[in-house]
Amino acid sequence: MTLPEVDPKRLEAEWAADKDVLASLAANGDRAEIVRLVDVSFRGDEDALERLEDDAETLGFSFIEREEDEDGEISSFLGIEQSVEADAIRALTLKCLQIELLYDVEYDGWGCTAETGLKN
């Protein structure tokens, strides 16, 4: 599957937000090199999200869940096991922006828990 080109300005805007999240994780003692589940979310209509969910594995993700908010907007959450090192997150964001274009959905960001490497 060939993924489409992304507007560089859009990628840079997302990357600016990503750097804030990475800084917050680091401030909470996160060790970015630790592989963990990173979830990404996409908003869209039922058909577009269903196509994306059906193709999640092919794209390197697992389907986590679908949620509907109080306004009736539907989101699909996908997961991927990876580190949150800067280059890995930048590559993930690029891929998600490509998915956004390919599936006519709206990328809504990523999240994960901080991993300190310490046992709780």
N, C-alpha and C. Protein backbone atom coordinates (compact mmCIF):
# COMPACT_ATOMS: atom_id res chain seq x y z
N MET A 1 0.85 -1.17 0.00
CA MET A 1 0.00 0.00 0.00
C MET A 1 0.90 1.24 0.00
N THR A 2 0.68 2.11 -0.94
CA THR A 2 1.44 3.35 -1.02
C THR A 2 0.72 4.43 -0.23
N LEU A 3 1.44 5.04 0.69
CA LEU A 3 0.85 6.10 1.50
C LEU A 3 1.11 7.45 0.84
N PRO A 4 0.13 8.36 0.91
CA PRO A 4 0.23 9.65 0.22
C PRO A 4 1.22 10.63 0.88
N GLU A 5 1.60 11.64 0.12
CA GLU A 5 2.45 12.71 0.63
C GLU A 5 1.64 13.58 1.59
N VAL A 6 2.31 14.07 2.62
CA VAL A 6 1.69 14.91 3.64
C VAL A 6 2.20 16.33 3.48
N ASP A 7 1.32 17.29 3.70
CA ASP A 7 1.71 18.70 3.68
C ASP A 7 2.76 18.92 4.77
N PRO A 8 3.97 19.37 4.42
CA PRO A 8 5.03 19.57 5.42
C PRO A 8 4.62 20.52 6.54
N LYS A 9 3.80 21.52 6.26
CA LYS A 9 3.36 22.45 7.30
C LYS A 9 2.48 21.74 8.32
N ARG A 10 1.64 20.84 7.85
CA ARG A 10 0.78 20.06 8.76
C ARG A 10 1.63 19.16 9.63
N LEU A 11 2.62 18.51 9.03
CA LEU A 11 3.51 17.65 9.80
C LEU A 11 4.25 18.45 10.87
N GLU A 12 4.73 19.62 10.53
CA GLU A 12 5.45 20.44 11.50
C GLU A 12 4.54 20.92 12.63
N ALA A 13 3.29 21.23 12.31
CA ALA A 13 2.34 21.64 13.35
C ALA A 13 2.08 20.49 14.32
N GLU A 14 1.90 19.29 13.79
CA GLU A 14 1.68 18.13 14.65
C GLU A 14 2.94 17.83 15.47
N TRP A 15 4.11 17.97 14.84
CA TRP A 15 5.37 17.70 15.52
C TRP A 15 5.57 18.66 16.69
N ALA A 16 5.15 19.91 16.54
CA ALA A 16 5.26 20.88 17.63
C ALA A 16 4.44 20.40 18.83
N ALA A 17 3.24 19.90 18.58
CA ALA A 17 2.40 19.37 19.66
C ALA A 17 3.02 18.11 20.24
N ASP A 18 3.57 17.25 19.39
CA ASP A 18 4.22 16.02 19.86
C ASP A 18 5.36 16.33 20.81
N LYS A 19 6.14 17.34 20.50
CA LYS A 19 7.28 17.69 21.36
C LYS A 19 6.81 18.11 22.75
N ASP A 20 5.66 18.77 22.83
CA ASP A 20 5.10 19.13 24.13
C ASP A 20 4.73 17.88 24.93
N VAL A 21 4.12 16.91 24.26
CA VAL A 21 3.75 15.66 24.93
C VAL A 21 5.00 14.92 25.40
N LEU A 22 6.00 14.85 24.54
CA LEU A 22 7.25 14.18 24.91
C LEU A 22 7.92 14.87 26.10
N ALA A 23 7.88 16.19 26.13
CA ALA A 23 8.47 16.94 27.25
C ALA A 23 7.70 16.64 28.54
N SER A 24 6.37 16.54 28.45
CA SER A 24 5.56 16.22 29.61
C SER A 24 5.87 14.82 30.12
N LEU A 25 5.99 13.86 29.20
CA LEU A 25 6.35 12.51 29.61
C LEU A 25 7.71 12.50 30.31
N ALA A 26 8.69 13.19 29.72
CA ALA A 26 10.04 13.24 30.30
C ALA A 26 10.00 13.86 31.70
N ALA A 27 9.18 14.89 31.88
CA ALA A 27 9.06 15.55 33.18
C ALA A 27 8.48 14.60 34.23
N ASN A 28 7.77 13.56 33.78
CA ASN A 28 7.20 12.57 34.68
C ASN A 28 8.09 11.33 34.81
N GLY A 29 9.35 11.46 34.40
CA GLY A 29 10.31 10.38 34.56
C GLY A 29 10.29 9.33 33.47
N ASP A 30 9.63 9.61 32.36
CA ASP A 30 9.54 8.62 31.28
C ASP A 30 10.91 8.32 30.69
N ARG A 31 11.12 7.04 30.39
CA ARG A 31 12.30 6.61 29.64
C ARG A 31 11.80 6.27 28.23
N ALA A 32 12.06 7.18 27.32
CA ALA A 32 11.48 7.11 25.97
C ALA A 32 11.84 5.84 25.21
N GLU A 33 12.97 5.21 25.56
CA GLU A 33 13.41 4.03 24.82
C GLU A 33 12.61 2.77 25.17
N ILE A 34 11.83 2.82 26.25
CA ILE A 34 11.04 1.65 26.65
C ILE A 34 9.85 1.49 25.71
N VAL A 35 9.75 0.30 25.11
CA VAL A 35 8.64 0.00 24.21
C VAL A 35 7.38 -0.19 25.05
N ARG A 36 6.29 0.42 24.59
CA ARG A 36 5.00 0.32 25.27
C ARG A 36 3.90 0.52 24.24
N LEU A 37 2.64 0.30 24.67
CA LEU A 37 1.51 0.53 23.78
C LEU A 37 1.29 2.02 23.63
N VAL A 38 1.32 2.47 22.39
CA VAL A 38 1.00 3.85 22.06
C VAL A 38 -0.32 3.80 21.29
N ASP A 39 -1.31 4.56 21.76
CA ASP A 39 -2.58 4.57 21.05
C ASP A 39 -2.69 5.83 20.20
N VAL A 40 -3.34 5.68 19.07
CA VAL A 40 -3.62 6.81 18.18
C VAL A 40 -5.12 6.82 17.94
N SER A 41 -5.66 8.01 17.70
CA SER A 41 -7.10 8.07 17.47
C SER A 41 -7.40 8.85 16.19
N PHE A 42 -8.50 8.42 15.59
CA PHE A 42 -8.99 9.03 14.36
C PHE A 42 -10.48 9.25 14.51
N ARG A 43 -10.96 10.39 14.02
CA ARG A 43 -12.39 10.68 13.98
C ARG A 43 -12.86 10.58 12.53
N GLY A 44 -14.12 10.22 12.38
CA GLY A 44 -14.64 10.15 11.03
C GLY A 44 -16.02 9.54 11.00
N ASP A 45 -16.52 9.31 9.80
CA ASP A 45 -17.83 8.69 9.69
C ASP A 45 -17.69 7.17 9.81
N GLU A 46 -18.81 6.54 10.03
CA GLU A 46 -18.87 5.10 10.28
C GLU A 46 -18.13 4.29 9.22
N ASP A 47 -18.40 4.56 7.96
CA ASP A 47 -17.80 3.77 6.88
C ASP A 47 -16.29 3.95 6.81
N ALA A 48 -15.82 5.18 6.94
CA ALA A 48 -14.38 5.44 6.86
C ALA A 48 -13.66 4.77 8.02
N LEU A 49 -14.21 4.89 9.22
CA LEU A 49 -13.57 4.27 10.38
C LEU A 49 -13.58 2.75 10.28
N GLU A 50 -14.65 2.20 9.74
CA GLU A 50 -14.73 0.74 9.58
C GLU A 50 -13.66 0.25 8.61
N ARG A 51 -13.45 0.98 7.51
CA ARG A 51 -12.39 0.60 6.57
C ARG A 51 -11.03 0.64 7.26
N LEU A 52 -10.79 1.70 8.03
CA LEU A 52 -9.53 1.84 8.74
C LEU A 52 -9.35 0.70 9.74
N GLU A 53 -10.37 0.40 10.51
CA GLU A 53 -10.29 -0.67 11.49
C GLU A 53 -10.01 -2.01 10.81
N ASP A 54 -10.65 -2.25 9.67
CA ASP A 54 -10.43 -3.49 8.92
C ASP A 54 -8.99 -3.61 8.45
N ASP A 55 -8.36 -2.48 8.13
CA ASP A 55 -6.99 -2.47 7.61
C ASP A 55 -5.93 -2.22 8.68
N ALA A 56 -6.35 -2.07 9.93
CA ALA A 56 -5.42 -1.70 11.00
C ALA A 56 -4.20 -2.60 11.05
N GLU A 57 -4.41 -3.90 11.00
CA GLU A 57 -3.29 -4.84 11.10
C GLU A 57 -2.32 -4.67 9.94
N THR A 58 -2.84 -4.48 8.74
CA THR A 58 -2.01 -4.27 7.56
C THR A 58 -1.16 -3.03 7.71
N LEU A 59 -1.68 -2.03 8.42
CA LEU A 59 -0.98 -0.77 8.64
C LEU A 59 -0.03 -0.82 9.84
N GLY A 60 0.00 -1.96 10.54
CA GLY A 60 0.91 -2.12 11.67
C GLY A 60 0.30 -1.81 13.03
N PHE A 61 -1.02 -1.71 13.10
CA PHE A 61 -1.72 -1.37 14.33
C PHE A 61 -2.63 -2.51 14.75
N SER A 62 -3.09 -2.44 15.99
CA SER A 62 -4.17 -3.31 16.46
C SER A 62 -5.35 -2.40 16.78
N PHE A 63 -6.54 -2.92 16.58
CA PHE A 63 -7.75 -2.16 16.91
C PHE A 63 -7.96 -2.25 18.42
N ILE A 64 -8.17 -1.11 19.07
CA ILE A 64 -8.41 -1.08 20.51
C ILE A 64 -9.90 -0.94 20.79
N GLU A 65 -10.49 0.15 20.33
CA GLU A 65 -11.91 0.37 20.58
C GLU A 65 -12.42 1.52 19.74
N ARG A 66 -13.74 1.63 19.72
CA ARG A 66 -14.41 2.76 19.08
C ARG A 66 -15.26 3.44 20.15
N GLU A 67 -15.25 4.77 20.14
CA GLU A 67 -16.03 5.53 21.11
C GLU A 67 -16.87 6.58 20.40
N GLU A 68 -17.99 6.88 21.00
CA GLU A 68 -18.84 7.97 20.52
C GLU A 68 -18.94 8.99 21.64
N ASP A 69 -18.66 10.27 21.33
CA ASP A 69 -18.73 11.30 22.37
C ASP A 69 -20.15 11.83 22.52
N GLU A 70 -20.34 12.76 23.45
CA GLU A 70 -21.67 13.29 23.74
C GLU A 70 -22.29 14.03 22.56
N ASP A 71 -21.45 14.47 21.60
CA ASP A 71 -21.96 15.15 20.42
C ASP A 71 -22.24 14.18 19.27
N GLY A 72 -22.03 12.88 19.51
CA GLY A 72 -22.27 11.88 18.48
C GLY A 72 -21.10 11.67 17.53
N GLU A 73 -19.95 12.30 17.82
CA GLU A 73 -18.76 12.14 16.98
C GLU A 73 -18.10 10.81 17.32
N ILE A 74 -17.73 10.04 16.29
CA ILE A 74 -17.17 8.71 16.48
C ILE A 74 -15.65 8.77 16.33
N SER A 75 -14.96 8.09 17.25
CA SER A 75 -13.51 7.97 17.19
C SER A 75 -13.12 6.50 17.25
N SER A 76 -12.07 6.18 16.52
CA SER A 76 -11.51 4.84 16.55
C SER A 76 -10.11 4.93 17.13
N PHE A 77 -9.80 4.04 18.07
CA PHE A 77 -8.50 4.01 18.71
C PHE A 77 -7.74 2.77 18.25
N LEU A 78 -6.54 2.99 17.77
CA LEU A 78 -5.67 1.91 17.33
C LEU A 78 -4.42 1.94 18.19
N GLY A 79 -3.75 0.80 18.32
CA GLY A 79 -2.54 0.74 19.13
C GLY A 79 -1.37 0.17 18.37
N ILE A 80 -0.18 0.57 18.81
CA ILE A 80 1.06 0.06 18.25
C ILE A 80 2.08 -0.03 19.37
N GLU A 81 2.85 -1.11 19.39
CA GLU A 81 3.91 -1.28 20.38
C GLU A 81 5.17 -0.63 19.83
N GLN A 82 5.67 0.40 20.53
CA GLN A 82 6.88 1.09 20.09
C GLN A 82 7.42 1.96 21.21
N SER A 83 8.61 2.48 21.00
CA SER A 83 9.17 3.45 21.93
C SER A 83 8.56 4.82 21.64
N VAL A 84 8.85 5.77 22.52
CA VAL A 84 8.41 7.14 22.26
C VAL A 84 9.62 8.07 22.08
N GLU A 85 10.69 7.51 21.56
CA GLU A 85 11.83 8.34 21.20
C GLU A 85 11.39 9.29 20.09
N ALA A 86 12.01 10.44 20.03
CA ALA A 86 11.58 11.49 19.11
C ALA A 86 11.43 11.01 17.67
N ASP A 87 12.41 10.28 17.15
CA ASP A 87 12.33 9.84 15.76
C ASP A 87 11.20 8.84 15.55
N ALA A 88 10.93 8.00 16.55
CA ALA A 88 9.84 7.03 16.44
C ALA A 88 8.48 7.72 16.44
N ILE A 89 8.33 8.74 17.29
CA ILE A 89 7.06 9.47 17.34
C ILE A 89 6.86 10.30 16.08
N ARG A 90 7.91 10.91 15.59
CA ARG A 90 7.78 11.68 14.34
C ARG A 90 7.36 10.77 13.19
N ALA A 91 7.94 9.58 13.12
CA ALA A 91 7.56 8.62 12.08
C ALA A 91 6.11 8.17 12.26
N LEU A 92 5.69 7.95 13.51
CA LEU A 92 4.31 7.57 13.78
C LEU A 92 3.34 8.67 13.35
N THR A 93 3.67 9.90 13.68
CA THR A 93 2.81 11.02 13.31
C THR A 93 2.69 11.15 11.79
N LEU A 94 3.80 11.01 11.10
CA LEU A 94 3.76 11.05 9.63
C LEU A 94 2.84 9.96 9.10
N LYS A 95 3.00 8.75 9.61
CA LYS A 95 2.16 7.64 9.15
C LYS A 95 0.68 7.92 9.42
N CYS A 96 0.38 8.47 10.59
CA CYS A 96 -1.02 8.77 10.92
C CYS A 96 -1.60 9.86 10.02
N LEU A 97 -0.79 10.83 9.66
CA LEU A 97 -1.26 11.87 8.74
C LEU A 97 -1.47 11.29 7.34
N GLN A 98 -0.67 10.31 6.97
CA GLN A 98 -0.88 9.64 5.69
C GLN A 98 -2.16 8.82 5.72
N ILE A 99 -2.40 8.15 6.84
CA ILE A 99 -3.64 7.38 7.01
C ILE A 99 -4.84 8.32 6.94
N GLU A 100 -4.73 9.48 7.55
CA GLU A 100 -5.80 10.47 7.52
C GLU A 100 -6.20 10.77 6.07
N LEU A 101 -5.23 10.98 5.23
CA LEU A 101 -5.49 11.29 3.82
C LEU A 101 -6.05 10.08 3.08
N LEU A 102 -5.49 8.93 3.34
CA LEU A 102 -5.87 7.72 2.62
C LEU A 102 -7.28 7.25 2.96
N TYR A 103 -7.69 7.44 4.21
CA TYR A 103 -8.98 6.91 4.67
C TYR A 103 -10.05 7.98 4.87
N ASP A 104 -9.73 9.23 4.60
CA ASP A 104 -10.67 10.33 4.77
C ASP A 104 -11.21 10.38 6.20
N VAL A 105 -10.27 10.33 7.16
CA VAL A 105 -10.57 10.45 8.57
C VAL A 105 -9.73 11.60 9.12
N GLU A 106 -9.97 11.97 10.37
CA GLU A 106 -9.21 13.05 10.99
C GLU A 106 -8.33 12.48 12.10
N TYR A 107 -7.02 12.61 11.95
CA TYR A 107 -6.08 12.17 12.98
C TYR A 107 -6.25 13.07 14.20
N ASP A 108 -6.35 12.44 15.37
CA ASP A 108 -6.63 13.21 16.58
C ASP A 108 -5.54 13.03 17.65
N GLY A 109 -4.38 12.54 17.25
CA GLY A 109 -3.26 12.48 18.17
C GLY A 109 -2.97 11.10 18.73
N TRP A 110 -1.96 11.06 19.61
CA TRP A 110 -1.49 9.82 20.21
C TRP A 110 -1.36 10.01 21.71
N GLY A 111 -1.27 8.90 22.40
CA GLY A 111 -1.09 8.94 23.84
C GLY A 111 -0.48 7.64 24.35
N CYS A 112 0.04 7.69 25.56
CA CYS A 112 0.60 6.51 26.20
C CYS A 112 0.82 6.82 27.67
N THR A 113 1.18 5.81 28.42
CA THR A 113 1.53 6.03 29.81
C THR A 113 3.04 6.25 29.90
N ALA A 114 3.45 7.01 30.88
CA ALA A 114 4.87 7.20 31.13
C ALA A 114 5.45 5.89 31.65
N GLU A 115 6.61 5.53 31.15
CA GLU A 115 7.29 4.30 31.59
C GLU A 115 8.63 4.68 32.20
N THR A 116 8.77 4.47 33.51
CA THR A 116 10.00 4.84 34.20
C THR A 116 11.00 3.69 34.27
N GLY A 117 10.53 2.48 34.00
CA GLY A 117 11.38 1.31 34.12
C GLY A 117 11.39 0.75 35.53
N LEU A 118 10.70 1.41 36.45
CA LEU A 118 10.61 0.95 37.84
C LEU A 118 9.35 0.13 38.02
N LYS A 119 9.43 -0.88 38.85
CA LYS A 119 8.24 -1.70 39.15
C LYS A 119 7.38 -0.97 40.15
N ASN A 120 6.08 -1.00 39.94
CA ASN A 120 5.15 -0.33 40.87
C ASN A 120 4.83 -1.19 42.05
